[in-house]
Amino acid sequence: MSEEEVESKFGGSDNNQEGGYDEDQGESNHLRKKRRYQRHTQVQIQEMENFFKEYPHPDDKQRKVLSRELGLEPLQIKFWFQNKRTQIKNNMLILQESSIDPTGSFVIYAPVDGTAMNTVLHGGNPDNVALLPSGFAVLPDGPGRHGSGIGEANPGGSLVTVSFQILVDSTPTVTIRSVATVNNLITCTVEMIKVAMEN
């Protein structure tokens, strides 16, 4: 990341409020206003990693609380979480299978770590790859008068079943955060299914 990018992200800009450089500012004033990027400490990184496991998308309030606890600016927290999500997304493969027929439809998928999968493809041990399939099924809810399959007019409605597998510690503890995360995951998934079915 260049010095200019860091300064623009973290507020260390050389520009005045109107967007141009104020020539009347002296060189010493110019250097004094410049902010230097400071690396996060191991403690800060560990705390953000732990928080990320529960809340990969923290809201403004959560970022402010975390920034106070860690002694960072909320914007630094925001960028760290954005970078972490991008890093994970760029290194994740999704294995997927789906089927649609008159009796119902299903989608089964499993996120797989790209680095681990690459290791297996090059002769590595497949036991080290966690494969946790999740998915959903949409089935007709009773016989319809006008249709008999998915996609046809069926006033009987549909039954949606959602299933997730989540890797947990050997001694899992249920926290309010973990319940909120699972609730959010299920709610978002069901909402996306509803939107897809309506279109």
Protein backbone atom coordinates (compact mmCIF):
# COMPACT_ATOMS: atom_id res chain seq x y z
CA MET A 1 0.00 0.00 0.00
CA SER A 2 1.49 3.34 -0.99
CA GLU A 3 1.99 6.18 1.45
CA GLU A 4 -0.67 8.24 -0.38
CA GLU A 5 -3.27 5.44 -0.04
CA VAL A 6 -2.53 5.04 3.65
CA GLU A 7 -2.78 8.78 4.23
CA SER A 8 -6.06 9.07 2.36
CA LYS A 9 -7.58 6.11 4.24
CA PHE A 10 -6.45 7.20 7.67
CA GLY A 11 -6.98 10.93 7.36
CA GLY A 12 -3.38 12.02 6.92
CA SER A 13 -4.03 14.14 3.86
CA ASP A 14 -1.87 17.02 2.69
CA ASN A 15 -4.87 18.74 1.17
CA ASN A 16 -6.97 21.51 2.62
CA GLN A 17 -10.75 21.26 3.11
CA GLU A 18 -11.52 22.31 -0.48
CA GLY A 19 -9.40 19.52 -1.90
CA GLY A 20 -6.31 21.51 -2.99
CA TYR A 21 -2.93 21.97 -1.34
CA ASP A 22 -2.68 25.18 0.65
CA GLU A 23 0.57 26.77 -0.50
CA ASP A 24 0.56 29.13 2.48
CA GLN A 25 1.24 26.25 4.82
CA GLY A 26 4.93 26.01 5.52
CA GLU A 27 6.94 22.86 4.92
CA SER A 28 7.18 22.21 8.67
CA ASN A 29 3.39 22.53 9.00
CA HIS A 30 3.03 20.16 6.05
CA LEU A 31 5.25 17.51 7.68
CA ARG A 32 3.63 17.93 11.08
CA LYS A 33 0.16 17.16 9.68
CA LYS A 34 1.31 14.01 7.91
CA ARG A 35 0.31 10.83 9.71
CA ARG A 36 2.41 7.73 9.50
CA TYR A 37 0.92 4.26 9.24
CA GLN A 38 1.55 2.16 12.33
CA ARG A 39 1.36 -1.60 12.18
CA HIS A 40 -1.17 -3.31 14.43
CA THR A 41 0.21 -5.08 17.49
CA GLN A 42 -0.16 -8.85 17.89
CA VAL A 43 -2.74 -8.26 20.64
CA GLN A 44 -4.81 -5.97 18.38
CA ILE A 45 -4.66 -8.47 15.52
CA GLN A 46 -5.62 -11.38 17.79
CA GLU A 47 -8.59 -9.45 19.22
CA MET A 48 -9.80 -8.49 15.71
CA GLU A 49 -9.34 -12.10 14.52
CA ASN A 50 -11.45 -13.37 17.45
CA PHE A 51 -14.12 -10.75 16.81
CA PHE A 52 -14.07 -11.57 13.07
CA LYS A 53 -14.96 -15.20 13.78
CA GLU A 54 -18.23 -14.08 15.36
CA TYR A 55 -18.93 -10.87 13.41
CA PRO A 56 -17.27 -10.68 9.99
CA HIS A 57 -19.41 -7.61 9.19
CA PRO A 58 -19.36 -5.40 12.31
CA ASP A 59 -21.68 -2.41 12.30
CA ASP A 60 -20.66 1.17 13.21
CA LYS A 61 -21.41 0.68 16.90
CA GLN A 62 -19.36 -2.53 17.11
CA ARG A 63 -16.45 -0.89 15.25
CA LYS A 64 -16.48 2.07 17.67
CA VAL A 65 -16.47 -0.20 20.73
CA LEU A 66 -13.66 -2.30 19.25
CA SER A 67 -11.66 0.79 18.32
CA ARG A 68 -11.94 2.11 21.89
CA GLU A 69 -10.87 -1.24 23.35
CA LEU A 70 -7.89 -1.58 21.00
CA GLY A 71 -6.80 2.06 20.84
CA LEU A 72 -7.38 2.32 17.08
CA GLU A 73 -9.45 4.62 14.90
CA PRO A 74 -12.84 3.24 13.76
CA LEU A 75 -11.67 3.69 10.16
CA GLN A 76 -8.66 1.45 10.84
CA ILE A 77 -11.02 -1.21 12.19
CA LYS A 78 -13.28 -0.85 9.15
CA PHE A 79 -10.39 -1.29 6.70
CA TRP A 80 -8.93 -4.22 8.61
CA PHE A 81 -12.28 -6.07 8.42
CA GLN A 82 -12.70 -5.22 4.72
CA ASN A 83 -9.22 -6.53 3.97
CA LYS A 84 -9.82 -9.69 6.01
CA ARG A 85 -13.09 -10.44 4.18
CA THR A 86 -11.39 -9.90 0.81
CA GLN A 87 -8.48 -12.14 1.80
CA ILE A 88 -10.85 -14.96 2.76
CA LYS A 89 -13.09 -14.51 -0.28
CA ASN A 90 -10.12 -14.59 -2.64
CA ASN A 91 -8.87 -17.83 -1.12
CA MET A 92 -12.19 -19.73 -0.95
CA LEU A 93 -13.63 -22.25 -3.39
CA ILE A 94 -17.28 -23.32 -3.35
CA LEU A 95 -18.17 -26.89 -4.31
CA GLN A 96 -21.83 -27.00 -5.30
CA GLU A 97 -24.45 -29.45 -6.51
CA SER A 98 -28.08 -28.68 -7.32
CA SER A 99 -31.14 -30.36 -8.72
CA ILE A 100 -34.65 -29.32 -9.75
CA ASP A 101 -37.43 -31.78 -10.56
CA PRO A 102 -41.21 -32.03 -10.00
CA THR A 103 -40.77 -33.35 -6.46
CA GLY A 104 -38.64 -30.44 -5.28
CA SER A 105 -35.31 -28.71 -5.62
CA PHE A 106 -32.13 -28.57 -3.60
CA VAL A 107 -28.77 -26.83 -3.46
CA ILE A 108 -25.87 -28.33 -1.51
CA TYR A 109 -22.60 -26.45 -1.23
CA ALA A 110 -19.38 -26.58 0.74
CA PRO A 111 -16.83 -23.79 1.08
CA VAL A 112 -13.27 -25.13 0.81
CA ASP A 113 -10.00 -23.37 1.57
CA GLY A 114 -8.26 -22.78 -1.77
CA THR A 115 -4.75 -23.34 -0.41
CA ALA A 116 -5.73 -26.66 1.21
CA MET A 117 -7.47 -27.82 -1.98
CA ASN A 118 -4.43 -26.89 -4.06
CA THR A 119 -2.26 -28.95 -1.72
CA VAL A 120 -4.55 -31.99 -2.20
CA LEU A 121 -4.53 -31.56 -5.99
CA HIS A 122 -0.73 -31.70 -5.87
CA GLY A 123 -0.64 -34.95 -3.89
CA GLY A 124 -1.11 -33.64 -0.33
CA ASN A 125 -3.08 -35.30 2.46
CA PRO A 126 -6.86 -34.85 1.92
CA ASP A 127 -7.52 -35.46 5.63
CA ASN A 128 -6.48 -31.86 6.29
CA VAL A 129 -9.32 -30.40 4.19
CA ALA A 130 -12.46 -29.61 6.17
CA LEU A 131 -15.50 -30.34 4.01
CA LEU A 132 -18.65 -29.06 5.73
CA PRO A 133 -21.59 -29.25 3.34
CA SER A 134 -24.55 -26.97 3.88
CA GLY A 135 -27.60 -26.36 1.78
CA PHE A 136 -31.32 -26.02 1.41
CA ALA A 137 -34.26 -27.84 -0.13
CA VAL A 138 -37.52 -26.40 -1.43
CA LEU A 139 -40.38 -28.91 -1.51
CA PRO A 140 -44.05 -28.51 -2.42
CA ASP A 141 -46.23 -28.27 0.68
CA GLY A 142 -49.09 -30.55 -0.22
CA PRO A 143 -50.78 -31.20 -3.53
CA GLY A 144 -51.70 -28.18 -5.61
CA ARG A 145 -54.84 -27.84 -7.64
CA HIS A 146 -53.20 -26.22 -10.65
CA GLY A 147 -49.70 -27.68 -10.67
CA SER A 148 -47.69 -30.55 -9.41
CA GLY A 149 -44.11 -29.34 -9.43
CA ILE A 150 -41.71 -26.58 -8.59
CA GLY A 151 -42.18 -23.53 -10.79
CA GLU A 152 -45.82 -24.32 -11.58
CA ALA A 153 -48.81 -22.63 -9.99
CA ASN A 154 -49.18 -24.34 -6.63
CA PRO A 155 -51.43 -22.63 -4.11
CA GLY A 156 -50.34 -25.21 -1.52
CA GLY A 157 -47.09 -23.27 -0.93
CA SER A 158 -43.57 -24.52 -0.37
CA LEU A 159 -41.61 -25.97 2.49
CA VAL A 160 -38.00 -24.72 2.85
CA THR A 161 -35.43 -26.67 4.84
CA VAL A 162 -32.07 -25.03 5.52
CA SER A 163 -29.06 -26.92 6.87
CA PHE A 164 -25.64 -25.65 7.98
CA GLN A 165 -22.55 -27.34 9.33
CA ILE A 166 -20.20 -25.16 11.31
CA LEU A 167 -16.79 -26.15 12.62
CA VAL A 168 -16.52 -25.48 16.37
CA ASP A 169 -13.94 -26.06 19.09
CA SER A 170 -13.72 -29.43 20.81
CA THR A 171 -15.41 -27.87 23.85
CA PRO A 172 -18.00 -25.58 22.28
CA THR A 173 -19.63 -22.93 24.41
CA VAL A 174 -22.80 -21.19 23.40
CA THR A 175 -22.53 -17.43 23.66
CA ILE A 176 -24.96 -14.70 22.75
CA ARG A 177 -22.59 -13.74 19.95
CA SER A 178 -22.61 -17.25 18.47
CA VAL A 179 -26.40 -17.48 18.68
CA ALA A 180 -26.70 -14.07 16.99
CA THR A 181 -24.27 -15.15 14.25
CA VAL A 182 -26.19 -18.36 13.49
CA ASN A 183 -29.51 -16.50 13.61
CA ASN A 184 -28.15 -13.89 11.19
CA LEU A 185 -26.83 -16.61 8.85
CA ILE A 186 -30.17 -18.44 8.74
CA THR A 187 -32.20 -15.23 8.36
CA CYS A 188 -30.04 -13.94 5.48
CA THR A 189 -30.13 -17.31 3.71
CA VAL A 190 -33.91 -17.62 3.96
CA GLU A 191 -34.37 -14.02 2.73
CA MET A 192 -32.14 -14.71 -0.29
CA ILE A 193 -34.11 -17.89 -1.07
CA LYS A 194 -37.40 -15.95 -0.86
CA VAL A 195 -36.10 -13.25 -3.21
CA ALA A 196 -34.88 -15.88 -5.69
CA MET A 197 -38.24 -17.69 -5.59
CA GLU A 198 -40.19 -14.47 -6.19
CA ASN A 199 -38.17 -13.57 -9.31
